[in-house]
Amino acid sequence: GDNTKTVVYLQMNSLKPDDTAVYYCMAHTIVGHVWGQGT
């Protein structure tokens, strides 16, 4: 995560065809779960 805690990174190395997918981030908050739209 960055110092401001506004961005979380997923560094992916040595990628394989099996890593092909839609990747989503999800945040646990005090009022529930929030999902992004995916990439």
Full PDB file with SEQRES, HELIX, SHEET, SSBOND, CRYST1, ORIGX, SCALE, CONECT and MASTER records, all heavy atoms in Angstrom:
SEQRES   1 A   39  GLY ASP ASN THR LYS THR VAL VAL TYR LEU GLN MET ASN          
SEQRES   2 A   39  SER LEU LYS PRO ASP ASP THR ALA VAL TYR TYR CYS MET          
SEQRES   3 A   39  ALA HIS THR ILE VAL GLY HIS VAL TRP GLY GLN GLY THR          
HELIX    1 AA1 PRO A   17  ASP A   19  5                                   3    
SHEET    1 AA1 2 MET A  26  THR A  29  0                                        
SHEET    2 AA1 2 GLY A  32  TRP A  35 -1                                        
CRYST1    1.000    1.000    1.000  90.00  90.00  90.00 P 1           1          
ORIGX1      1.000000  0.000000  0.000000        0.00000                         
ORIGX2      0.000000  1.000000  0.000000        0.00000                         
ORIGX3      0.000000  0.000000  1.000000        0.00000                         
SCALE1      1.000000  0.000000  0.000000        0.00000                         
SCALE2      0.000000  1.000000  0.000000        0.00000                         
SCALE3      0.000000  0.000000  1.000000        0.00000                         
ATOM      1  N   GLY A   1       0.835  -1.190   0.000  1.00  0.00           N  
ATOM      2  CA  GLY A   1       0.000   0.000   0.000  1.00  0.00           C  
ATOM      3  C   GLY A   1       0.870   1.239   0.000  1.00  0.00           C  
ATOM      4  O   GLY A   1       2.031   1.187   0.426  1.00  0.00           O  
ATOM      5  N   ASP A   2       0.317   2.344  -0.465  1.00  0.00           N  
ATOM      6  CA  ASP A   2       1.092   3.575  -0.441  1.00  0.00           C  
ATOM      7  C   ASP A   2       0.962   4.236   0.934  1.00  0.00           C  
ATOM      8  O   ASP A   2       0.166   3.810   1.771  1.00  0.00           O  
ATOM      9  CB  ASP A   2       0.656   4.528  -1.561  1.00  0.00           C  
ATOM     10  CG  ASP A   2      -0.693   5.178  -1.278  1.00  0.00           C  
ATOM     11  OD1 ASP A   2      -1.459   4.656  -0.449  1.00  0.00           O  
ATOM     12  OD2 ASP A   2      -0.980   6.221  -1.883  1.00  0.00           O  
ATOM     13  N   ASN A   3       1.767   5.262   1.167  1.00  0.00           N  
ATOM     14  CA  ASN A   3       1.816   5.879   2.491  1.00  0.00           C  
ATOM     15  C   ASN A   3       0.508   6.562   2.878  1.00  0.00           C  
ATOM     16  O   ASN A   3       0.199   6.699   4.062  1.00  0.00           O  
ATOM     17  CB  ASN A   3       2.957   6.909   2.542  1.00  0.00           C  
ATOM     18  CG  ASN A   3       4.318   6.253   2.518  1.00  0.00           C  
ATOM     19  OD1 ASN A   3       4.449   5.085   2.904  1.00  0.00           O  
ATOM     20  ND2 ASN A   3       5.317   6.975   2.066  1.00  0.00           N  
ATOM     21  N   THR A   4      -0.247   6.965   1.870  1.00  0.00           N  
ATOM     22  CA  THR A   4      -1.507   7.653   2.172  1.00  0.00           C  
ATOM     23  C   THR A   4      -2.643   6.670   2.410  1.00  0.00           C  
ATOM     24  O   THR A   4      -3.754   7.078   2.761  1.00  0.00           O  
ATOM     25  CB  THR A   4      -1.903   8.581   1.019  1.00  0.00           C  
ATOM     26  OG1 THR A   4      -2.176   7.793  -0.150  1.00  0.00           O  
ATOM     27  CG2 THR A   4      -0.795   9.575   0.720  1.00  0.00           C  
ATOM     28  N   LYS A   5      -2.360   5.373   2.168  1.00  0.00           N  
ATOM     29  CA  LYS A   5      -3.361   4.311   2.337  1.00  0.00           C  
ATOM     30  C   LYS A   5      -4.555   4.485   1.404  1.00  0.00           C  
ATOM     31  O   LYS A   5      -5.647   3.992   1.687  1.00  0.00           O  
ATOM     32  CB  LYS A   5      -3.826   4.209   3.796  1.00  0.00           C  
ATOM     33  CG  LYS A   5      -2.706   3.860   4.750  1.00  0.00           C  
ATOM     34  CD  LYS A   5      -3.211   3.634   6.151  1.00  0.00           C  
ATOM     35  CE  LYS A   5      -2.072   3.245   7.078  1.00  0.00           C  
ATOM     36  NZ  LYS A   5      -2.507   2.998   8.453  1.00  0.00           N  
ATOM     37  N   THR A   6      -4.335   5.174   0.275  1.00  0.00           N  
ATOM     38  CA  THR A   6      -5.421   5.304  -0.690  1.00  0.00           C  
ATOM     39  C   THR A   6      -5.251   4.366  -1.872  1.00  0.00           C  
ATOM     40  O   THR A   6      -6.187   4.190  -2.649  1.00  0.00           O  
ATOM     41  CB  THR A   6      -5.519   6.746  -1.224  1.00  0.00           C  
ATOM     42  OG1 THR A   6      -4.274   7.121  -1.828  1.00  0.00           O  
ATOM     43  CG2 THR A   6      -5.850   7.716  -0.102  1.00  0.00           C  
ATOM     44  N   VAL A   7      -4.069   3.771  -2.031  1.00  0.00           N  
ATOM     45  CA  VAL A   7      -3.830   2.868  -3.155  1.00  0.00           C  
ATOM     46  C   VAL A   7      -3.200   1.581  -2.633  1.00  0.00           C  
ATOM     47  O   VAL A   7      -2.259   1.614  -1.839  1.00  0.00           O  
ATOM     48  CB  VAL A   7      -2.903   3.482  -4.213  1.00  0.00           C  
ATOM     49  CG1 VAL A   7      -2.782   2.541  -5.411  1.00  0.00           C  
ATOM     50  CG2 VAL A   7      -3.410   4.842  -4.659  1.00  0.00           C  
ATOM     51  N   VAL A   8      -3.727   0.459  -3.083  1.00  0.00           N  
ATOM     52  CA  VAL A   8      -3.143  -0.858  -2.799  1.00  0.00           C  
ATOM     53  C   VAL A   8      -2.698  -1.445  -4.121  1.00  0.00           C  
ATOM     54  O   VAL A   8      -3.447  -1.425  -5.107  1.00  0.00           O  
ATOM     55  CB  VAL A   8      -4.165  -1.771  -2.104  1.00  0.00           C  
ATOM     56  CG1 VAL A   8      -3.637  -3.201  -2.018  1.00  0.00           C  
ATOM     57  CG2 VAL A   8      -4.482  -1.240  -0.704  1.00  0.00           C  
ATOM     58  N   TYR A   9      -1.461  -1.948  -4.136  1.00  0.00           N  
ATOM     59  CA  TYR A   9      -0.884  -2.488  -5.358  1.00  0.00           C  
ATOM     60  C   TYR A   9      -0.803  -4.013  -5.276  1.00  0.00           C  
ATOM     61  O   TYR A   9      -0.555  -4.578  -4.214  1.00  0.00           O  
ATOM     62  CB  TYR A   9       0.524  -1.934  -5.559  1.00  0.00           C  
ATOM     63  CG  TYR A   9       0.584  -0.434  -5.639  1.00  0.00           C  
ATOM     64  CD1 TYR A   9       0.975   0.319  -4.541  1.00  0.00           C  
ATOM     65  CD2 TYR A   9       0.250   0.239  -6.811  1.00  0.00           C  
ATOM     66  CE1 TYR A   9       1.028   1.702  -4.596  1.00  0.00           C  
ATOM     67  CE2 TYR A   9       0.304   1.618  -6.881  1.00  0.00           C  
ATOM     68  CZ  TYR A   9       0.688   2.342  -5.772  1.00  0.00           C  
ATOM     69  OH  TYR A   9       0.736   3.706  -5.843  1.00  0.00           O  
ATOM     70  N   LEU A  10      -0.969  -4.638  -6.418  1.00  0.00           N  
ATOM     71  CA  LEU A  10      -0.705  -6.066  -6.548  1.00  0.00           C  
ATOM     72  C   LEU A  10       0.369  -6.213  -7.621  1.00  0.00           C  
ATOM     73  O   LEU A  10       0.107  -5.990  -8.805  1.00  0.00           O  
ATOM     74  CB  LEU A  10      -1.957  -6.845  -6.941  1.00  0.00           C  
ATOM     75  CG  LEU A  10      -1.785  -8.356  -7.032  1.00  0.00           C  
ATOM     76  CD1 LEU A  10      -1.526  -8.948  -5.640  1.00  0.00           C  
ATOM     77  CD2 LEU A  10      -3.006  -9.026  -7.667  1.00  0.00           C  
ATOM     78  N   GLN A  11       1.577  -6.539  -7.183  1.00  0.00           N  
ATOM     79  CA  GLN A  11       2.693  -6.744  -8.103  1.00  0.00           C  
ATOM     80  C   GLN A  11       2.678  -8.207  -8.522  1.00  0.00           C  
ATOM     81  O   GLN A  11       2.744  -9.102  -7.663  1.00  0.00           O  
ATOM     82  CB  GLN A  11       4.017  -6.385  -7.436  1.00  0.00           C  
ATOM     83  CG  GLN A  11       5.241  -6.650  -8.300  1.00  0.00           C  
ATOM     84  CD  GLN A  11       5.300  -5.760  -9.522  1.00  0.00           C  
ATOM     85  OE1 GLN A  11       5.039  -4.576  -9.439  1.00  0.00           O  
ATOM     86  NE2 GLN A  11       5.635  -6.351 -10.671  1.00  0.00           N  
ATOM     87  N   MET A  12       2.615  -8.447  -9.811  1.00  0.00           N  
ATOM     88  CA  MET A  12       2.533  -9.804 -10.331  1.00  0.00           C  
ATOM     89  C   MET A  12       3.717 -10.058 -11.255  1.00  0.00           C  
ATOM     90  O   MET A  12       3.870  -9.371 -12.276  1.00  0.00           O  
ATOM     91  CB  MET A  12       1.222 -10.014 -11.089  1.00  0.00           C  
ATOM     92  CG  MET A  12      -0.017  -9.640 -10.267  1.00  0.00           C  
ATOM     93  SD  MET A  12      -1.567 -10.025 -11.100  1.00  0.00           S  
ATOM     94  CE  MET A  12      -1.467  -8.927 -12.509  1.00  0.00           C  
ATOM     95  N   ASN A  13       4.556 -11.007 -10.877  1.00  0.00           N  
ATOM     96  CA  ASN A  13       5.741 -11.351 -11.663  1.00  0.00           C  
ATOM     97  C   ASN A  13       5.636 -12.785 -12.159  1.00  0.00           C  
ATOM     98  O   ASN A  13       4.840 -13.577 -11.652  1.00  0.00           O  
ATOM     99  CB  ASN A  13       6.996 -11.191 -10.797  1.00  0.00           C  
ATOM    100  CG  ASN A  13       7.195  -9.776 -10.304  1.00  0.00           C  
ATOM    101  OD1 ASN A  13       6.916  -8.796 -11.005  1.00  0.00           O  
ATOM    102  ND2 ASN A  13       7.682  -9.645  -9.086  1.00  0.00           N  
ATOM    103  N   SER A  14       6.460 -13.107 -13.122  1.00  0.00           N  
ATOM    104  CA  SER A  14       6.505 -14.464 -13.684  1.00  0.00           C  
ATOM    105  C   SER A  14       5.104 -14.953 -14.022  1.00  0.00           C  
ATOM    106  O   SER A  14       4.709 -16.071 -13.660  1.00  0.00           O  
ATOM    107  CB  SER A  14       7.190 -15.424 -12.695  1.00  0.00           C  
ATOM    108  OG  SER A  14       8.486 -14.992 -12.377  1.00  0.00           O  
ATOM    109  N   LEU A  15       4.366 -14.138 -14.707  1.00  0.00           N  
ATOM    110  CA  LEU A  15       2.974 -14.471 -15.002  1.00  0.00           C  
ATOM    111  C   LEU A  15       2.851 -15.676 -15.913  1.00  0.00           C  
ATOM    112  O   LEU A  15       3.711 -15.915 -16.786  1.00  0.00           O  
ATOM    113  CB  LEU A  15       2.267 -13.257 -15.617  1.00  0.00           C  
ATOM    114  CG  LEU A  15       1.902 -12.172 -14.602  1.00  0.00           C  
ATOM    115  CD1 LEU A  15       1.619 -10.847 -15.306  1.00  0.00           C  
ATOM    116  CD2 LEU A  15       0.699 -12.598 -13.773  1.00  0.00           C  
ATOM    117  N   LYS A  16       1.791 -16.422 -15.686  1.00  0.00           N  
ATOM    118  CA  LYS A  16       1.522 -17.636 -16.447  1.00  0.00           C  
ATOM    119  C   LYS A  16       0.144 -17.514 -17.107  1.00  0.00           C  
ATOM    120  O   LYS A  16      -0.711 -16.759 -16.619  1.00  0.00           O  
ATOM    121  CB  LYS A  16       1.497 -18.846 -15.505  1.00  0.00           C  
ATOM    122  CG  LYS A  16       2.719 -19.011 -14.639  1.00  0.00           C  
ATOM    123  CD  LYS A  16       2.518 -20.137 -13.634  1.00  0.00           C  
ATOM    124  CE  LYS A  16       3.688 -20.275 -12.703  1.00  0.00           C  
ATOM    125  NZ  LYS A  16       3.478 -21.352 -11.708  1.00  0.00           N  
ATOM    126  N   PRO A  17      -0.111 -18.268 -18.162  1.00  0.00           N  
ATOM    127  CA  PRO A  17      -1.450 -18.238 -18.767  1.00  0.00           C  
ATOM    128  C   PRO A  17      -2.562 -18.531 -17.753  1.00  0.00           C  
ATOM    129  O   PRO A  17      -3.658 -17.984 -17.866  1.00  0.00           O  
ATOM    130  CB  PRO A  17      -1.359 -19.304 -19.850  1.00  0.00           C  
ATOM    131  CG  PRO A  17       0.088 -19.276 -20.259  1.00  0.00           C  
ATOM    132  CD  PRO A  17       0.842 -19.040 -18.979  1.00  0.00           C  
ATOM    133  N   ASP A  18      -2.270 -19.365 -16.749  1.00  0.00           N  
ATOM    134  CA  ASP A  18      -3.272 -19.683 -15.721  1.00  0.00           C  
ATOM    135  C   ASP A  18      -3.634 -18.489 -14.843  1.00  0.00           C  
ATOM    136  O   ASP A  18      -4.619 -18.538 -14.104  1.00  0.00           O  
ATOM    137  CB  ASP A  18      -2.764 -20.809 -14.804  1.00  0.00           C  
ATOM    138  CG  ASP A  18      -3.105 -22.180 -15.341  1.00  0.00           C  
ATOM    139  OD1 ASP A  18      -3.837 -22.244 -16.362  1.00  0.00           O  
ATOM    140  OD2 ASP A  18      -2.656 -23.177 -14.760  1.00  0.00           O  
ATOM    141  N   ASP A  19      -2.839 -17.426 -14.912  1.00  0.00           N  
ATOM    142  CA  ASP A  19      -3.148 -16.209 -14.146  1.00  0.00           C  
ATOM    143  C   ASP A  19      -4.176 -15.339 -14.860  1.00  0.00           C  
ATOM    144  O   ASP A  19      -4.618 -14.329 -14.295  1.00  0.00           O  
ATOM    145  CB  ASP A  19      -1.870 -15.395 -13.906  1.00  0.00           C  
ATOM    146  CG  ASP A  19      -0.861 -16.111 -13.043  1.00  0.00           C  
ATOM    147  OD1 ASP A  19      -1.269 -16.727 -12.033  1.00  0.00           O  
ATOM    148  OD2 ASP A  19       0.341 -16.057 -13.377  1.00  0.00           O  
ATOM    149  N   THR A  20      -4.530 -15.722 -16.064  1.00  0.00           N  
ATOM    150  CA  THR A  20      -5.535 -14.957 -16.808  1.00  0.00           C  
ATOM    151  C   THR A  20      -6.860 -14.959 -16.064  1.00  0.00           C  
ATOM    152  O   THR A  20      -7.392 -16.020 -15.713  1.00  0.00           O  
ATOM    153  CB  THR A  20      -5.730 -15.553 -18.218  1.00  0.00           C  
ATOM    154  OG1 THR A  20      -4.513 -15.391 -18.953  1.00  0.00           O  
ATOM    155  CG2 THR A  20      -6.855 -14.859 -18.953  1.00  0.00           C  
ATOM    156  N   ALA A  21      -7.383 -13.775 -15.794  1.00  0.00           N  
ATOM    157  CA  ALA A  21      -8.614 -13.640 -15.019  1.00  0.00           C  
ATOM    158  C   ALA A  21      -8.993 -12.169 -14.939  1.00  0.00           C  
ATOM    159  O   ALA A  21      -8.207 -11.290 -15.327  1.00  0.00           O  
ATOM    160  CB  ALA A  21      -8.420 -14.190 -13.605  1.00  0.00           C  
ATOM    161  N   VAL A  22     -10.179 -11.923 -14.429  1.00  0.00           N  
ATOM    162  CA  VAL A  22     -10.537 -10.575 -14.010  1.00  0.00           C  
ATOM    163  C   VAL A  22     -10.124 -10.443 -12.551  1.00  0.00           C  
ATOM    164  O   VAL A  22     -10.459 -11.303 -11.728  1.00  0.00           O  
ATOM    165  CB  VAL A  22     -12.047 -10.303 -14.169  1.00  0.00           C  
ATOM    166  CG1 VAL A  22     -12.385  -8.899 -13.675  1.00  0.00           C  
ATOM    167  CG2 VAL A  22     -12.468 -10.468 -15.617  1.00  0.00           C  
ATOM    168  N   TYR A  23      -9.367  -9.399 -12.264  1.00  0.00           N  
ATOM    169  CA  TYR A  23      -8.864  -9.171 -10.912  1.00  0.00           C  
ATOM    170  C   TYR A  23      -9.690  -8.058 -10.249  1.00  0.00           C  
ATOM    171  O   TYR A  23      -9.893  -6.990 -10.839  1.00  0.00           O  
ATOM    172  CB  TYR A  23      -7.383  -8.789 -10.956  1.00  0.00           C  
ATOM    173  CG  TYR A  23      -6.494  -9.977 -11.218  1.00  0.00           C  
ATOM    174  CD1 TYR A  23      -6.458 -10.580 -12.475  1.00  0.00           C  
ATOM    175  CD2 TYR A  23      -5.694 -10.523 -10.212  1.00  0.00           C  
ATOM    176  CE1 TYR A  23      -5.662 -11.682 -12.716  1.00  0.00           C  
ATOM    177  CE2 TYR A  23      -4.892 -11.626 -10.444  1.00  0.00           C  
ATOM    178  CZ  TYR A  23      -4.877 -12.202 -11.698  1.00  0.00           C  
ATOM    179  OH  TYR A  23      -4.086 -13.308 -11.928  1.00  0.00           O  
ATOM    180  N   TYR A  24     -10.137  -8.351  -9.041  1.00  0.00           N  
ATOM    181  CA  TYR A  24     -10.981  -7.425  -8.287  1.00  0.00           C  
ATOM    182  C   TYR A  24     -10.310  -7.081  -6.960  1.00  0.00           C  
ATOM    183  O   TYR A  24      -9.684  -7.944  -6.336  1.00  0.00           O  
ATOM    184  CB  TYR A  24     -12.327  -8.058  -7.945  1.00  0.00           C  
ATOM    185  CG  TYR A  24     -13.164  -8.493  -9.112  1.00  0.00           C  
ATOM    186  CD1 TYR A  24     -13.029  -9.765  -9.655  1.00  0.00           C  
ATOM    187  CD2 TYR A  24     -14.126  -7.646  -9.651  1.00  0.00           C  
ATOM    188  CE1 TYR A  24     -13.819 -10.183 -10.713  1.00  0.00           C  
ATOM    189  CE2 TYR A  24     -14.923  -8.047 -10.716  1.00  0.00           C  
ATOM    190  CZ  TYR A  24     -14.759  -9.318 -11.236  1.00  0.00           C  
ATOM    191  OH  TYR A  24     -15.542  -9.731 -12.287  1.00  0.00           O  
ATOM    192  N   CYS A  25     -10.476  -5.860  -6.523  1.00  0.00           N  
ATOM    193  CA  CYS A  25     -10.115  -5.563  -5.141  1.00  0.00           C  
ATOM    194  C   CYS A  25     -11.396  -5.382  -4.340  1.00  0.00           C  
ATOM    195  O   CYS A  25     -12.444  -5.015  -4.874  1.00  0.00           O  
ATOM    196  CB  CYS A  25      -9.195  -4.354  -5.018  1.00  0.00           C  
ATOM    197  SG  CYS A  25      -9.878  -2.777  -5.529  1.00  0.00           S  
ATOM    198  N   MET A  26     -11.269  -5.691  -3.080  1.00  0.00           N  
ATOM    199  CA  MET A  26     -12.397  -5.625  -2.154  1.00  0.00           C  
ATOM    200  C   MET A  26     -11.902  -5.074  -0.834  1.00  0.00           C  
ATOM    201  O   MET A  26     -10.844  -5.489  -0.359  1.00  0.00           O  
ATOM    202  CB  MET A  26     -13.013  -7.011  -1.954  1.00  0.00           C  
ATOM    203  CG  MET A  26     -14.277  -7.015  -1.116  1.00  0.00           C  
ATOM    204  SD  MET A  26     -13.929  -7.271   0.635  1.00  0.00           S  
ATOM    205  CE  MET A  26     -13.888  -9.069   0.634  1.00  0.00           C  
ATOM    206  N   ALA A  27     -12.655  -4.145  -0.285  1.00  0.00           N  
ATOM    207  CA  ALA A  27     -12.296  -3.555   0.991  1.00  0.00           C  
ATOM    208  C   ALA A  27     -13.307  -3.954   2.049  1.00  0.00           C  
ATOM    209  O   ALA A  27     -14.524  -3.901   1.812  1.00  0.00           O  
ATOM    210  CB  ALA A  27     -12.237  -2.034   0.880  1.00  0.00           C  
ATOM    211  N   HIS A  28     -12.765  -4.386   3.194  1.00  0.00           N  
ATOM    212  CA  HIS A  28     -13.605  -4.573   4.370  1.00  0.00           C  
ATOM    213  C   HIS A  28     -13.663  -3.227   5.081  1.00  0.00           C  
ATOM    214  O   HIS A  28     -12.618  -2.689   5.452  1.00  0.00           O  
ATOM    215  CB  HIS A  28     -12.993  -5.591   5.320  1.00  0.00           C  
ATOM    216  CG  HIS A  28     -12.980  -6.991   4.809  1.00  0.00           C  
ATOM    217  ND1 HIS A  28     -13.990  -7.879   5.066  1.00  0.00           N  
ATOM    218  CD2 HIS A  28     -12.073  -7.664   4.066  1.00  0.00           C  
ATOM    219  CE1 HIS A  28     -13.705  -9.043   4.513  1.00  0.00           C  
ATOM    220  NE2 HIS A  28     -12.550  -8.944   3.890  1.00  0.00           N  
ATOM    221  N   THR A  29     -14.858  -2.718   5.266  1.00  0.00           N  
ATOM    222  CA  THR A  29     -15.009  -1.476   5.987  1.00  0.00           C  
ATOM    223  C   THR A  29     -15.885  -1.724   7.217  1.00  0.00           C  
ATOM    224  O   THR A  29     -16.465  -2.798   7.366  1.00  0.00           O  
ATOM    225  CB  THR A  29     -15.651  -0.384   5.126  1.00  0.00           C  
ATOM    226  OG1 THR A  29     -17.061  -0.618   5.018  1.00  0.00           O  
ATOM    227  CG2 THR A  29     -15.051  -0.355   3.726  1.00  0.00           C  
ATOM    228  N   ILE A  30     -15.973  -0.721   8.037  1.00  0.00           N  
ATOM    229  CA  ILE A  30     -16.747  -0.885   9.275  1.00  0.00           C  
ATOM    230  C   ILE A  30     -18.241  -1.024   8.994  1.00  0.00           C  
ATOM    231  O   ILE A  30     -18.999  -1.426   9.877  1.00  0.00           O  
ATOM    232  CB  ILE A  30     -16.488   0.283  10.245  1.00  0.00           C  
ATOM    233  CG1 ILE A  30     -16.891   1.618   9.614  1.00  0.00           C  
ATOM    234  CG2 ILE A  30     -15.038   0.298  10.688  1.00  0.00           C  
ATOM    235  CD1 ILE A  30     -16.786   2.788  10.569  1.00  0.00           C  
ATOM    236  N   VAL A  31     -18.654  -0.729   7.766  1.00  0.00           N  
ATOM    237  CA  VAL A  31     -20.080  -0.857   7.441  1.00  0.00           C  
ATOM    238  C   VAL A  31     -20.343  -1.960   6.428  1.00  0.00           C  
ATOM    239  O   VAL A  31     -21.494  -2.178   6.046  1.00  0.00           O  
ATOM    240  CB  VAL A  31     -20.657   0.473   6.934  1.00  0.00           C  
ATOM    241  CG1 VAL A  31     -20.633   1.520   8.043  1.00  0.00           C  
ATOM    242  CG2 VAL A  31     -19.930   0.970   5.706  1.00  0.00           C  
ATOM    243  N   GLY A  32     -19.296  -2.660   5.993  1.00  0.00           N  
ATOM    244  CA  GLY A  32     -19.518  -3.775   5.071  1.00  0.00           C  
ATOM    245  C   GLY A  32     -18.428  -3.890   4.025  1.00  0.00           C  
ATOM    246  O   GLY A  32     -17.390  -3.257   4.119  1.00  0.00           O  
ATOM    247  N   HIS A  33     -18.691  -4.739   3.022  1.00  0.00           N  
ATOM    248  CA  HIS A  33     -17.714  -4.987   1.958  1.00  0.00           C  
ATOM    249  C   HIS A  33     -17.989  -4.077   0.771  1.00  0.00           C  
ATOM    250  O   HIS A  33     -19.141  -3.814   0.427  1.00  0.00           O  
ATOM    251  CB  HIS A  33     -17.801  -6.436   1.472  1.00  0.00           C  
ATOM    252  CG  HIS A  33     -17.548  -7.439   2.543  1.00  0.00           C  
ATOM    253  ND1 HIS A  33     -17.880  -8.770   2.403  1.00  0.00           N  
ATOM    254  CD2 HIS A  33     -16.998  -7.321   3.766  1.00  0.00           C  
ATOM    255  CE1 HIS A  33     -17.546  -9.419   3.505  1.00  0.00           C  
ATOM    256  NE2 HIS A  33     -17.020  -8.561   4.351  1.00  0.00           N  
ATOM    257  N   VAL A  34     -16.909  -3.628   0.146  1.00  0.00           N  
ATOM    258  CA  VAL A  34     -17.009  -2.820  -1.063  1.00  0.00           C  
ATOM    259  C   VAL A  34     -16.135  -3.462  -2.132  1.00  0.00           C  
ATOM    260  O   VAL A  34     -14.983  -3.816  -1.851  1.00  0.00           O  
ATOM    261  CB  VAL A  34     -16.549  -1.371  -0.817  1.00  0.00           C  
ATOM    262  CG1 VAL A  34     -16.629  -0.557  -2.105  1.00  0.00           C  
ATOM    263  CG2 VAL A  34     -17.386  -0.725   0.272  1.00  0.00           C  
ATOM    264  N   TRP A  35     -16.657  -3.597  -3.352  1.00  0.00           N  
ATOM    265  CA  TRP A  35     -15.918  -4.194  -4.456  1.00  0.00           C  
ATOM    266  C   TRP A  35     -15.653  -3.152  -5.533  1.00  0.00           C  
ATOM    267  O   TRP A  35     -16.463  -2.261  -5.768  1.00  0.00           O  
ATOM    268  CB  TRP A  35     -16.734  -5.333  -5.078  1.00  0.00           C  
ATOM    269  CG  TRP A  35     -16.857  -6.550  -4.231  1.00  0.00           C  
ATOM    270  CD1 TRP A  35     -17.794  -6.799  -3.286  1.00  0.00           C  
ATOM    271  CD2 TRP A  35     -15.997  -7.692  -4.274  1.00  0.00           C  
ATOM    272  NE1 TRP A  35     -17.583  -8.038  -2.721  1.00  0.00           N  
ATOM    273  CE2 TRP A  35     -16.487  -8.611  -3.314  1.00  0.00           C  
ATOM    274  CE3 TRP A  35     -14.872  -8.052  -5.007  1.00  0.00           C  
ATOM    275  CZ2 TRP A  35     -15.887  -9.851  -3.078  1.00  0.00           C  
ATOM    276  CZ3 TRP A  35     -14.278  -9.284  -4.778  1.00  0.00           C  
ATOM    277  CH2 TRP A  35     -14.786 -10.165  -3.820  1.00  0.00           C  
ATOM    278  N   GLY A  36     -14.529  -3.339  -6.207  1.00  0.00           N  
ATOM    279  CA  GLY A  36     -14.266  -2.564  -7.407  1.00  0.00           C  
ATOM    280  C   GLY A  36     -14.896  -3.252  -8.605  1.00  0.00           C  
ATOM    281  O   GLY A  36     -15.500  -4.329  -8.483  1.00  0.00           O  
ATOM    282  N   GLN A  37     -14.729  -2.650  -9.778  1.00  0.00           N  
ATOM    283  CA  GLN A  37     -15.381  -3.168 -10.980  1.00  0.00           C  
ATOM    284  C   GLN A  37     -14.550  -4.246 -11.674  1.00  0.00           C  
ATOM    285  O   GLN A  37     -15.066  -4.939 -12.551  1.00  0.00           O  
ATOM    286  CB  GLN A  37     -15.651  -2.012 -11.964  1.00  0.00           C  
ATOM    287  CG  GLN A  37     -14.478  -1.627 -12.852  1.00  0.00           C  
ATOM    288  CD  GLN A  37     -13.360  -0.908 -12.122  1.00  0.00           C  
ATOM    289  OE1 GLN A  37     -13.504  -0.510 -10.964  1.00  0.00           O  
ATOM    290  NE2 GLN A  37     -12.235  -0.720 -12.798  1.00  0.00           N  
ATOM    291  N   GLY A  38     -13.299  -4.384 -11.281  1.00  0.00           N  
ATOM    292  CA  GLY A  38     -12.438  -5.411 -11.856  1.00  0.00           C  
ATOM    293  C   GLY A  38     -11.593  -4.894 -13.001  1.00  0.00           C  
ATOM    294  O   GLY A  38     -11.943  -3.920 -13.671  1.00  0.00           O  
ATOM    295  N   THR A  39     -10.477  -5.559 -13.220  1.00  0.00           N  
ATOM    296  CA  THR A  39      -9.599  -5.251 -14.345  1.00  0.00           C  
ATOM    297  C   THR A  39      -9.114  -6.563 -14.950  1.00  0.00           C  
ATOM    298  O   THR A  39      -8.744  -7.494 -14.232  1.00  0.00           O  
ATOM    299  CB  THR A  39      -8.430  -4.344 -13.918  1.00  0.00           C  
ATOM    300  OG1 THR A  39      -7.666  -3.955 -15.068  1.00  0.00           O  
ATOM    301  CG2 THR A  39      -7.509  -5.018 -12.908  1.00  0.00           C  
TER     302      THR A  39                                                      
MASTER        0    0    0    1    2    0    0    6  301    1    0    3          
END                                                                             
